[in-house]
Amino acid sequence: MYDDILFLETTGNARRVTLHGKERQLEFYGSLKDLDEQFDEDYFFRTHKSFIVNLDRIKVVDFKTRTITMVNGAECLVSMRKVKELKERISQRKESEA
């Protein structure tokens, strides 16, 4: 199930969230705050007020521009205050895979 989700982002509409999956996108009512509390923190990380990403679906992170490129080519943002924690989470995941 988690493998199908690439990332979630807020939309321009109030209390609307777009889920970006492998096969499709789904827009629904909700808030990233509520979703962040529900998702497994081993797989998902809130990188910005507008994004929650699946750590297993990150292709590249550019820490200078604070952008994440996902496996489908979509880009997500990383807030300045989340950069250090994102580096740690990625490092932890690589260590656990080894």
Protein backbone atom coordinates (compact mmCIF):
# COMPACT_ATOMS: atom_id res chain seq x y z
CA MET A 1 0.00 0.00 0.00
CA TYR A 2 2.69 2.52 0.96
CA ASP A 3 4.63 1.71 -2.19
CA ASP A 4 1.82 3.12 -4.32
CA ILE A 5 1.98 6.58 -2.69
CA LEU A 6 4.72 8.93 -3.91
CA PHE A 7 3.78 12.09 -2.03
CA LEU A 8 0.92 14.26 -0.83
CA GLU A 9 0.57 17.99 -1.30
CA THR A 10 -1.86 20.73 -0.45
CA THR A 11 -3.84 22.31 -3.25
CA GLY A 12 -4.83 25.92 -3.78
CA ASN A 13 -8.29 25.05 -2.47
CA ALA A 14 -8.97 25.18 1.25
CA ARG A 15 -8.61 21.84 3.05
CA ARG A 16 -7.92 19.91 -0.15
CA VAL A 17 -5.04 17.48 -0.50
CA THR A 18 -3.72 15.76 -3.61
CA LEU A 19 -2.29 12.26 -3.25
CA HIS A 20 0.23 11.49 -6.00
CA GLY A 21 0.44 7.77 -6.63
CA LYS A 22 2.28 5.53 -9.06
CA GLU A 23 -0.72 5.21 -11.35
CA ARG A 24 -2.92 8.22 -10.60
CA GLN A 25 -3.65 11.33 -8.57
CA LEU A 26 -6.48 11.63 -6.09
CA GLU A 27 -7.79 14.87 -4.61
CA PHE A 28 -9.78 14.83 -1.38
CA TYR A 29 -10.75 16.91 1.64
CA GLY A 30 -8.34 16.77 4.54
CA SER A 31 -5.28 18.35 6.05
CA LEU A 32 -1.63 17.38 5.89
CA LYS A 33 -1.42 17.79 9.66
CA ASP A 34 -4.03 15.07 10.21
CA LEU A 35 -2.48 12.81 7.57
CA ASP A 36 1.02 13.30 8.96
CA GLU A 37 -0.17 11.95 12.30
CA GLN A 38 -1.75 8.90 10.65
CA PHE A 39 1.04 7.85 8.29
CA ASP A 40 3.86 5.56 9.39
CA GLU A 41 6.86 7.76 10.13
CA ASP A 42 9.19 4.99 8.97
CA TYR A 43 8.00 5.59 5.41
CA PHE A 44 6.66 9.14 5.29
CA PHE A 45 8.17 12.49 6.22
CA ARG A 46 6.69 15.98 6.19
CA THR A 47 9.32 18.02 4.39
CA HIS A 48 7.41 21.27 4.13
CA LYS A 49 4.08 22.77 5.18
CA SER A 50 2.73 21.70 1.79
CA PHE A 51 4.34 18.25 1.30
CA ILE A 52 4.55 14.78 2.83
CA VAL A 53 6.85 12.45 0.88
CA ASN A 54 7.35 8.71 0.79
CA LEU A 55 11.02 8.29 1.71
CA ASP A 56 11.27 5.15 -0.44
CA ARG A 57 10.15 7.04 -3.55
CA ILE A 58 12.76 9.82 -3.46
CA LYS A 59 15.05 9.80 -6.47
CA VAL A 60 17.31 12.78 -5.69
CA VAL A 61 17.52 15.48 -3.03
CA ASP A 62 19.22 18.79 -3.83
CA PHE A 63 19.97 20.29 -0.45
CA LYS A 64 21.25 23.55 -1.97
CA THR A 65 17.96 24.36 -3.69
CA ARG A 66 15.98 22.36 -1.09
CA THR A 67 14.09 20.36 -3.70
CA ILE A 68 13.29 16.67 -3.85
CA THR A 69 12.86 14.89 -7.16
CA MET A 70 10.56 11.91 -6.85
CA VAL A 71 10.83 8.74 -8.96
CA ASN A 72 8.14 10.07 -11.33
CA GLY A 73 10.06 13.33 -11.88
CA ALA A 74 7.78 15.50 -9.73
CA GLU A 75 9.46 17.99 -7.42
CA CYS A 76 8.67 18.67 -3.78
CA LEU A 77 10.06 21.33 -1.47
CA VAL A 78 12.03 20.99 1.75
CA SER A 79 11.79 23.77 4.32
CA MET A 80 15.03 25.08 5.79
CA ARG A 81 14.19 23.76 9.23
CA LYS A 82 13.54 20.24 7.88
CA VAL A 83 16.78 19.83 5.89
CA LYS A 84 18.83 18.39 8.74
CA GLU A 85 16.11 15.97 9.82
CA LEU A 86 15.58 14.82 6.22
CA LYS A 87 19.31 14.09 5.86
CA GLU A 88 19.19 12.03 9.06
CA ARG A 89 16.10 10.11 7.96
CA ILE A 90 17.61 9.28 4.57
CA SER A 91 20.85 8.20 6.22
CA GLN A 92 18.95 5.98 8.68
CA ARG A 93 17.03 4.33 5.85
CA LYS A 94 20.23 3.60 3.93
CA GLU A 95 21.84 2.08 7.04
CA SER A 96 18.82 -0.13 7.72
CA GLU A 97 18.86 -1.39 4.12
CA ALA A 98 22.54 -2.34 4.31
